[in-house]
Amino acid sequence: MLMLDKNLLTELVDKCMNDLRTSSSLNTGSLKEEILTTVHSVLHKTLSNLDLVTREQFDIQTKVLDQARQKLELLSNKITELENLK
């Protein structure tokens, strides 16, 4: 799983949008719309290729991991007890 810096994405989008707003070559609405569509498409494609999970999926996996750690600790303690009985 990849941890992604939200500030990096925000900065990327802000730069794209700022460049589009200040560009003097974007006098026609259709050209501007085409560029915005392209930028959106590139960002969507880039984000789709990343190994991201939803918050809900992350929380579920965190809970599963916590449960596994608890079971491992119990088993480890049980092994120690059994070893001490010898």
PDB file of N, CA and C in Angstrom:
ATOM      1  N   MET A   1       0.847  -1.175   0.000  1.00  0.00           N
ATOM      2  CA  MET A   1       0.000   0.000   0.000  1.00  0.00           C
ATOM      3  C   MET A   1       0.892   1.238   0.000  1.00  0.00           C
ATOM      4  N   LEU A   2       0.525   2.214  -0.745  1.00  0.00           N
ATOM      5  CA  LEU A   2       1.309   3.423  -0.899  1.00  0.00           C
ATOM      6  C   LEU A   2       0.704   4.534  -0.056  1.00  0.00           C
ATOM      7  N   MET A   3       1.534   5.159   0.745  1.00  0.00           N
ATOM      8  CA  MET A   3       1.087   6.326   1.488  1.00  0.00           C
ATOM      9  C   MET A   3       1.365   7.547   0.613  1.00  0.00           C
ATOM     10  N   LEU A   4       0.358   8.307   0.341  1.00  0.00           N
ATOM     11  CA  LEU A   4       0.467   9.420  -0.575  1.00  0.00           C
ATOM     12  C   LEU A   4       0.311  10.728   0.186  1.00  0.00           C
ATOM     13  N   ASP A   5       1.213  11.649  -0.072  1.00  0.00           N
ATOM     14  CA  ASP A   5       1.172  12.950   0.582  1.00  0.00           C
ATOM     15  C   ASP A   5       0.075  13.789  -0.067  1.00  0.00           C
ATOM     16  N   LYS A   6      -0.961  14.077   0.700  1.00  0.00           N
ATOM     17  CA  LYS A   6      -2.098  14.842   0.187  1.00  0.00           C
ATOM     18  C   LYS A   6      -1.650  16.224  -0.280  1.00  0.00           C
ATOM     19  N   ASN A   7      -0.673  16.806   0.394  1.00  0.00           N
ATOM     20  CA  ASN A   7      -0.178  18.124   0.005  1.00  0.00           C
ATOM     21  C   ASN A   7       0.455  18.099  -1.377  1.00  0.00           C
ATOM     22  N   LEU A   8       1.113  16.994  -1.721  1.00  0.00           N
ATOM     23  CA  LEU A   8       1.715  16.865  -3.037  1.00  0.00           C
ATOM     24  C   LEU A   8       0.652  16.888  -4.119  1.00  0.00           C
ATOM     25  N   LEU A   9      -0.427  16.155  -3.911  1.00  0.00           N
ATOM     26  CA  LEU A   9      -1.515  16.156  -4.892  1.00  0.00           C
ATOM     27  C   LEU A   9      -2.184  17.523  -4.987  1.00  0.00           C
ATOM     28  N   THR A  10      -2.410  18.126  -3.848  1.00  0.00           N
ATOM     29  CA  THR A  10      -3.028  19.449  -3.837  1.00  0.00           C
ATOM     30  C   THR A  10      -2.158  20.450  -4.577  1.00  0.00           C
ATOM     31  N   GLU A  11      -0.865  20.379  -4.335  1.00  0.00           N
ATOM     32  CA  GLU A  11       0.072  21.282  -5.005  1.00  0.00           C
ATOM     33  C   GLU A  11       0.059  21.056  -6.514  1.00  0.00           C
ATOM     34  N   LEU A  12       0.022  19.792  -6.935  1.00  0.00           N
ATOM     35  CA  LEU A  12      -0.016  19.472  -8.361  1.00  0.00           C
ATOM     36  C   LEU A  12      -1.266  20.040  -9.019  1.00  0.00           C
ATOM     37  N   VAL A  13      -2.405  19.826  -8.397  1.00  0.00           N
ATOM     38  CA  VAL A  13      -3.663  20.334  -8.945  1.00  0.00           C
ATOM     39  C   VAL A  13      -3.663  21.858  -8.955  1.00  0.00           C
ATOM     40  N   ASP A  14      -3.202  22.466  -7.867  1.00  0.00           N
ATOM     41  CA  ASP A  14      -3.166  23.929  -7.800  1.00  0.00           C
ATOM     42  C   ASP A  14      -2.290  24.521  -8.896  1.00  0.00           C
ATOM     43  N   LYS A  15      -1.148  23.890  -9.133  1.00  0.00           N
ATOM     44  CA  LYS A  15      -0.253  24.382 -10.189  1.00  0.00           C
ATOM     45  C   LYS A  15      -0.910  24.282 -11.557  1.00  0.00           C
ATOM     46  N   CYS A  16      -1.545  23.148 -11.810  1.00  0.00           N
ATOM     47  CA  CYS A  16      -2.232  22.976 -13.096  1.00  0.00           C
ATOM     48  C   CYS A  16      -3.323  24.024 -13.270  1.00  0.00           C
ATOM     49  N   MET A  17      -4.127  24.181 -12.236  1.00  0.00           N
ATOM     50  CA  MET A  17      -5.232  25.130 -12.328  1.00  0.00           C
ATOM     51  C   MET A  17      -4.732  26.569 -12.456  1.00  0.00           C
ATOM     52  N   ASN A  18      -3.701  26.904 -11.733  1.00  0.00           N
ATOM     53  CA  ASN A  18      -3.139  28.253 -11.805  1.00  0.00           C
ATOM     54  C   ASN A  18      -2.586  28.530 -13.197  1.00  0.00           C
ATOM     55  N   ASP A  19      -1.870  27.564 -13.748  1.00  0.00           N
ATOM     56  CA  ASP A  19      -1.332  27.733 -15.096  1.00  0.00           C
ATOM     57  C   ASP A  19      -2.454  27.929 -16.115  1.00  0.00           C
ATOM     58  N   LEU A  20      -3.525  27.175 -15.937  1.00  0.00           N
ATOM     59  CA  LEU A  20      -4.647  27.313 -16.861  1.00  0.00           C
ATOM     60  C   LEU A  20      -5.333  28.669 -16.715  1.00  0.00           C
ATOM     61  N   ARG A  21      -5.470  29.134 -15.476  1.00  0.00           N
ATOM     62  CA  ARG A  21      -6.147  30.424 -15.253  1.00  0.00           C
ATOM     63  C   ARG A  21      -5.347  31.592 -15.814  1.00  0.00           C
ATOM     64  N   THR A  22      -4.031  31.513 -15.713  1.00  0.00           N
ATOM     65  CA  THR A  22      -3.199  32.647 -16.101  1.00  0.00           C
ATOM     66  C   THR A  22      -2.700  32.565 -17.537  1.00  0.00           C
ATOM     67  N   SER A  23      -3.000  31.493 -18.227  1.00  0.00           N
ATOM     68  CA  SER A  23      -2.520  31.326 -19.594  1.00  0.00           C
ATOM     69  C   SER A  23      -3.265  32.266 -20.537  1.00  0.00           C
ATOM     70  N   SER A  24      -2.482  33.030 -21.319  1.00  0.00           N
ATOM     71  CA  SER A  24      -3.102  33.956 -22.269  1.00  0.00           C
ATOM     72  C   SER A  24      -3.532  33.240 -23.547  1.00  0.00           C
ATOM     73  N   SER A  25      -3.080  32.009 -23.734  1.00  0.00           N
ATOM     74  CA  SER A  25      -3.451  31.283 -24.950  1.00  0.00           C
ATOM     75  C   SER A  25      -4.825  30.640 -24.842  1.00  0.00           C
ATOM     76  N   LEU A  26      -5.430  30.734 -23.677  1.00  0.00           N
ATOM     77  CA  LEU A  26      -6.733  30.107 -23.478  1.00  0.00           C
ATOM     78  C   LEU A  26      -7.859  31.122 -23.618  1.00  0.00           C
ATOM     79  N   ASN A  27      -7.968  31.709 -24.772  1.00  0.00           N
ATOM     80  CA  ASN A  27      -9.004  32.719 -24.992  1.00  0.00           C
ATOM     81  C   ASN A  27     -10.349  32.106 -25.326  1.00  0.00           C
ATOM     82  N   THR A  28     -10.347  30.901 -25.853  1.00  0.00           N
ATOM     83  CA  THR A  28     -11.619  30.286 -26.217  1.00  0.00           C
ATOM     84  C   THR A  28     -12.025  29.287 -25.150  1.00  0.00           C
ATOM     85  N   GLY A  29     -13.294  29.226 -24.898  1.00  0.00           N
ATOM     86  CA  GLY A  29     -13.808  28.311 -23.891  1.00  0.00           C
ATOM     87  C   GLY A  29     -13.570  26.857 -24.246  1.00  0.00           C
ATOM     88  N   SER A  30     -13.635  26.533 -25.530  1.00  0.00           N
ATOM     89  CA  SER A  30     -13.481  25.135 -25.927  1.00  0.00           C
ATOM     90  C   SER A  30     -12.061  24.641 -25.687  1.00  0.00           C
ATOM     91  N   LEU A  31     -11.068  25.485 -25.936  1.00  0.00           N
ATOM     92  CA  LEU A  31      -9.683  25.086 -25.699  1.00  0.00           C
ATOM     93  C   LEU A  31      -9.437  24.903 -24.203  1.00  0.00           C
ATOM     94  N   LYS A  32      -9.966  25.830 -23.426  1.00  0.00           N
ATOM     95  CA  LYS A  32      -9.817  25.722 -21.977  1.00  0.00           C
ATOM     96  C   LYS A  32     -10.488  24.456 -21.465  1.00  0.00           C
ATOM     97  N   GLU A  33     -11.684  24.169 -21.962  1.00  0.00           N
ATOM     98  CA  GLU A  33     -12.414  22.965 -21.549  1.00  0.00           C
ATOM     99  C   GLU A  33     -11.636  21.709 -21.942  1.00  0.00           C
ATOM    100  N   GLU A  34     -11.036  21.740 -23.110  1.00  0.00           N
ATOM    101  CA  GLU A  34     -10.250  20.587 -23.566  1.00  0.00           C
ATOM    102  C   GLU A  34      -9.040  20.350 -22.642  1.00  0.00           C
ATOM    103  N   ILE A  35      -8.383  21.418 -22.255  1.00  0.00           N
ATOM    104  CA  ILE A  35      -7.223  21.288 -21.365  1.00  0.00           C
ATOM    105  C   ILE A  35      -7.659  20.804 -19.990  1.00  0.00           C
ATOM    106  N   LEU A  36      -8.752  21.368 -19.477  1.00  0.00           N
ATOM    107  CA  LEU A  36      -9.250  20.919 -18.175  1.00  0.00           C
ATOM    108  C   LEU A  36      -9.622  19.442 -18.216  1.00  0.00           C
ATOM    109  N   THR A  37     -10.239  19.022 -19.293  1.00  0.00           N
ATOM    110  CA  THR A  37     -10.602  17.617 -19.445  1.00  0.00           C
ATOM    111  C   THR A  37      -9.357  16.744 -19.494  1.00  0.00           C
ATOM    112  N   THR A  38      -8.336  17.195 -20.193  1.00  0.00           N
ATOM    113  CA  THR A  38      -7.089  16.442 -20.292  1.00  0.00           C
ATOM    114  C   THR A  38      -6.404  16.334 -18.942  1.00  0.00           C
ATOM    115  N   VAL A  39      -6.341  17.442 -18.225  1.00  0.00           N
ATOM    116  CA  VAL A  39      -5.714  17.432 -16.900  1.00  0.00           C
ATOM    117  C   VAL A  39      -6.472  16.482 -15.972  1.00  0.00           C
ATOM    118  N   HIS A  40      -7.786  16.566 -16.002  1.00  0.00           N
ATOM    119  CA  HIS A  40      -8.607  15.677 -15.172  1.00  0.00           C
ATOM    120  C   HIS A  40      -8.328  14.223 -15.531  1.00  0.00           C
ATOM    121  N   SER A  41      -8.266  13.943 -16.819  1.00  0.00           N
ATOM    122  CA  SER A  41      -8.024  12.578 -17.279  1.00  0.00           C
ATOM    123  C   SER A  41      -6.657  12.066 -16.820  1.00  0.00           C
ATOM    124  N   VAL A  42      -5.648  12.916 -16.932  1.00  0.00           N
ATOM    125  CA  VAL A  42      -4.292  12.525 -16.515  1.00  0.00           C
ATOM    126  C   VAL A  42      -4.257  12.259 -15.016  1.00  0.00           C
ATOM    127  N   LEU A  43      -4.859  13.124 -14.249  1.00  0.00           N
ATOM    128  CA  LEU A  43      -4.877  12.926 -12.799  1.00  0.00           C
ATOM    129  C   LEU A  43      -5.641  11.653 -12.438  1.00  0.00           C
ATOM    130  N   HIS A  44      -6.776  11.436 -13.082  1.00  0.00           N
ATOM    131  CA  HIS A  44      -7.575  10.241 -12.800  1.00  0.00           C
ATOM    132  C   HIS A  44      -6.783   8.976 -13.141  1.00  0.00           C
ATOM    133  N   LYS A  45      -6.126   8.984 -14.284  1.00  0.00           N
ATOM    134  CA  LYS A  45      -5.347   7.828 -14.705  1.00  0.00           C
ATOM    135  C   LYS A  45      -4.187   7.573 -13.745  1.00  0.00           C
ATOM    136  N   THR A  46      -3.520   8.640 -13.322  1.00  0.00           N
ATOM    137  CA  THR A  46      -2.396   8.510 -12.394  1.00  0.00           C
ATOM    138  C   THR A  46      -2.859   7.946 -11.058  1.00  0.00           C
ATOM    139  N   LEU A  47      -3.937   8.479 -10.536  1.00  0.00           N
ATOM    140  CA  LEU A  47      -4.456   8.010  -9.252  1.00  0.00           C
ATOM    141  C   LEU A  47      -4.972   6.574  -9.355  1.00  0.00           C
ATOM    142  N   SER A  48      -5.521   6.218 -10.491  1.00  0.00           N
ATOM    143  CA  SER A  48      -6.030   4.857 -10.674  1.00  0.00           C
ATOM    144  C   SER A  48      -4.905   3.831 -10.659  1.00  0.00           C
ATOM    145  N   ASN A  49      -3.722   4.233 -11.085  1.00  0.00           N
ATOM    146  CA  ASN A  49      -2.583   3.322 -11.133  1.00  0.00           C
ATOM    147  C   ASN A  49      -1.909   3.145  -9.771  1.00  0.00           C
ATOM    148  N   LEU A  50      -2.254   3.993  -8.821  1.00  0.00           N
ATOM    149  CA  LEU A  50      -1.661   3.891  -7.492  1.00  0.00           C
ATOM    150  C   LEU A  50      -2.402   2.838  -6.683  1.00  0.00           C
ATOM    151  N   ASP A  51      -1.692   2.249  -5.743  1.00  0.00           N
ATOM    152  CA  ASP A  51      -2.275   1.213  -4.900  1.00  0.00           C
ATOM    153  C   ASP A  51      -2.916   1.886  -3.684  1.00  0.00           C
ATOM    154  N   LEU A  52      -4.090   2.473  -3.902  1.00  0.00           N
ATOM    155  CA  LEU A  52      -4.777   3.215  -2.849  1.00  0.00           C
ATOM    156  C   LEU A  52      -5.973   2.414  -2.339  1.00  0.00           C
ATOM    157  N   VAL A  53      -6.313   2.644  -1.094  1.00  0.00           N
ATOM    158  CA  VAL A  53      -7.498   2.017  -0.509  1.00  0.00           C
ATOM    159  C   VAL A  53      -8.362   3.107   0.107  1.00  0.00           C
ATOM    160  N   THR A  54      -9.634   2.774   0.278  1.00  0.00           N
ATOM    161  CA  THR A  54     -10.533   3.728   0.921  1.00  0.00           C
ATOM    162  C   THR A  54     -10.257   3.743   2.425  1.00  0.00           C
ATOM    163  N   ARG A  55     -10.745   4.735   3.099  1.00  0.00           N
ATOM    164  CA  ARG A  55     -10.601   4.824   4.557  1.00  0.00           C
ATOM    165  C   ARG A  55     -11.264   3.622   5.214  1.00  0.00           C
ATOM    166  N   GLU A  56     -12.436   3.238   4.688  1.00  0.00           N
ATOM    167  CA  GLU A  56     -13.149   2.099   5.246  1.00  0.00           C
ATOM    168  C   GLU A  56     -12.317   0.822   5.128  1.00  0.00           C
ATOM    169  N   GLN A  57     -11.724   0.592   3.959  1.00  0.00           N
ATOM    170  CA  GLN A  57     -10.877  -0.585   3.767  1.00  0.00           C
ATOM    171  C   GLN A  57      -9.670  -0.549   4.703  1.00  0.00           C
ATOM    172  N   PHE A  58      -9.083   0.621   4.847  1.00  0.00           N
ATOM    173  CA  PHE A  58      -7.923   0.785   5.726  1.00  0.00           C
ATOM    174  C   PHE A  58      -8.305   0.473   7.173  1.00  0.00           C
ATOM    175  N   ASP A  59      -9.444   1.007   7.614  1.00  0.00           N
ATOM    176  CA  ASP A  59      -9.896   0.770   8.989  1.00  0.00           C
ATOM    177  C   ASP A  59     -10.181  -0.708   9.241  1.00  0.00           C
ATOM    178  N   ILE A  60     -10.781  -1.367   8.262  1.00  0.00           N
ATOM    179  CA  ILE A  60     -11.065  -2.800   8.403  1.00  0.00           C
ATOM    180  C   ILE A  60      -9.761  -3.581   8.527  1.00  0.00           C
ATOM    181  N   GLN A  61      -8.806  -3.285   7.679  1.00  0.00           N
ATOM    182  CA  GLN A  61      -7.531  -4.002   7.735  1.00  0.00           C
ATOM    183  C   GLN A  61      -6.772  -3.713   9.031  1.00  0.00           C
ATOM    184  N   THR A  62      -6.892  -2.496   9.535  1.00  0.00           N
ATOM    185  CA  THR A  62      -6.270  -2.152  10.811  1.00  0.00           C
ATOM    186  C   THR A  62      -6.865  -2.981  11.933  1.00  0.00           C
ATOM    187  N   LYS A  63      -8.185  -3.139  11.911  1.00  0.00           N
ATOM    188  CA  LYS A  63      -8.867  -3.950  12.923  1.00  0.00           C
ATOM    189  C   LYS A  63      -8.442  -5.418  12.827  1.00  0.00           C
ATOM    190  N   VAL A  64      -8.376  -5.951  11.601  1.00  0.00           N
ATOM    191  CA  VAL A  64      -7.958  -7.341  11.395  1.00  0.00           C
ATOM    192  C   VAL A  64      -6.532  -7.539  11.893  1.00  0.00           C
ATOM    193  N   LEU A  65      -5.667  -6.597  11.598  1.00  0.00           N
ATOM    194  CA  LEU A  65      -4.279  -6.681  12.049  1.00  0.00           C
ATOM    195  C   LEU A  65      -4.191  -6.640  13.575  1.00  0.00           C
ATOM    196  N   ASP A  66      -4.979  -5.790  14.197  1.00  0.00           N
ATOM    197  CA  ASP A  66      -4.990  -5.704  15.657  1.00  0.00           C
ATOM    198  C   ASP A  66      -5.447  -7.025  16.278  1.00  0.00           C
ATOM    199  N   GLN A  67      -6.484  -7.622  15.691  1.00  0.00           N
ATOM    200  CA  GLN A  67      -6.968  -8.910  16.186  1.00  0.00           C
ATOM    201  C   GLN A  67      -5.901  -9.993  16.024  1.00  0.00           C
ATOM    202  N   ALA A  68      -5.203  -9.983  14.909  1.00  0.00           N
ATOM    203  CA  ALA A  68      -4.143 -10.968  14.681  1.00  0.00           C
ATOM    204  C   ALA A  68      -3.006 -10.784  15.687  1.00  0.00           C
ATOM    205  N   ARG A  69      -2.665  -9.536  15.980  1.00  0.00           N
ATOM    206  CA  ARG A  69      -1.623  -9.263  16.986  1.00  0.00           C
ATOM    207  C   ARG A  69      -2.029  -9.785  18.364  1.00  0.00           C
ATOM    208  N   GLN A  70      -3.295  -9.580  18.723  1.00  0.00           N
ATOM    209  CA  GLN A  70      -3.782 -10.067  20.019  1.00  0.00           C
ATOM    210  C   GLN A  70      -3.706 -11.588  20.093  1.00  0.00           C
ATOM    211  N   LYS A  71      -4.118 -12.265  19.022  1.00  0.00           N
ATOM    212  CA  LYS A  71      -4.059 -13.728  18.995  1.00  0.00           C
ATOM    213  C   LYS A  71      -2.620 -14.213  19.062  1.00  0.00           C
ATOM    214  N   LEU A  72      -1.731 -13.534  18.351  1.00  0.00           N
ATOM    215  CA  LEU A  72      -0.318 -13.902  18.372  1.00  0.00           C
ATOM    216  C   LEU A  72       0.265 -13.745  19.766  1.00  0.00           C
ATOM    217  N   GLU A  73      -0.103 -12.677  20.434  1.00  0.00           N
ATOM    218  CA  GLU A  73       0.378 -12.455  21.795  1.00  0.00           C
ATOM    219  C   GLU A  73      -0.135 -13.548  22.743  1.00  0.00           C
ATOM    220  N   LEU A  74      -1.415 -13.911  22.615  1.00  0.00           N
ATOM    221  CA  LEU A  74      -1.975 -14.985  23.437  1.00  0.00           C
ATOM    222  C   LEU A  74      -1.263 -16.310  23.180  1.00  0.00           C
ATOM    223  N   LEU A  75      -1.038 -16.635  21.924  1.00  0.00           N
ATOM    224  CA  LEU A  75      -0.344 -17.876  21.583  1.00  0.00           C
ATOM    225  C   LEU A  75       1.100 -17.866  22.085  1.00  0.00           C
ATOM    226  N   SER A  76       1.738 -16.729  21.974  1.00  0.00           N
ATOM    227  CA  SER A  76       3.112 -16.611  22.461  1.00  0.00           C
ATOM    228  C   SER A  76       3.172 -16.824  23.974  1.00  0.00           C
ATOM    229  N   ASN A  77       2.220 -16.232  24.679  1.00  0.00           N
ATOM    230  CA  ASN A  77       2.153 -16.419  26.131  1.00  0.00           C
ATOM    231  C   ASN A  77       1.862 -17.872  26.488  1.00  0.00           C
ATOM    232  N   LYS A  78       0.983 -18.493  25.722  1.00  0.00           N
ATOM    233  CA  LYS A  78       0.643 -19.906  25.970  1.00  0.00           C
ATOM    234  C   LYS A  78       1.873 -20.804  25.743  1.00  0.00           C
ATOM    235  N   ILE A  79       2.633 -20.534  24.722  1.00  0.00           N
ATOM    236  CA  ILE A  79       3.856 -21.307  24.458  1.00  0.00           C
ATOM    237  C   ILE A  79       4.840 -21.136  25.599  1.00  0.00           C
ATOM    238  N   THR A  80       4.984 -19.914  26.073  1.00  0.00           N
ATOM    239  CA  THR A  80       5.887 -19.647  27.204  1.00  0.00           C
ATOM    240  C   THR A  80       5.434 -20.417  28.424  1.00  0.00           C
ATOM    241  N   GLU A  81       4.147 -20.444  28.699  1.00  0.00           N
ATOM    242  CA  GLU A  81       3.610 -21.189  29.849  1.00  0.00           C
ATOM    243  C   GLU A  81       3.920 -22.684  29.706  1.00  0.00           C
ATOM    244  N   LEU A  82       3.680 -23.205  28.510  1.00  0.00           N
ATOM    245  CA  LEU A  82       3.922 -24.637  28.284  1.00  0.00           C
ATOM    246  C   LEU A  82       5.402 -24.982  28.400  1.00  0.00           C
ATOM    247  N   GLU A  83       6.244 -24.124  27.932  1.00  0.00           N
ATOM    248  CA  GLU A  83       7.694 -24.343  28.040  1.00  0.00           C
ATOM    249  C   GLU A  83       8.142 -24.323  29.507  1.00  0.00           C
ATOM    250  N   ASN A  84       7.520 -23.476  30.286  1.00  0.00           N
ATOM    251  CA  ASN A  84       7.871 -23.378  31.711  1.00  0.00           C
ATOM    252  C   ASN A  84       7.386 -24.590  32.508  1.00  0.00           C
ATOM    253  N   LEU A  85       6.433 -25.346  32.004  1.00  0.00           N
ATOM    254  CA  LEU A  85       5.929 -26.537  32.687  1.00  0.00           C
ATOM    255  C   LEU A  85       6.906 -27.708  32.585  1.00  0.00           C
ATOM    256  N   LYS A  86       7.797 -27.678  31.638  1.00  0.00           N
ATOM    257  CA  LYS A  86       8.735 -28.799  31.438  1.00  0.00           C
ATOM    258  C   LYS A  86       9.729 -28.921  32.531  1.00  0.00           C
TER     259      LYS A  86
END
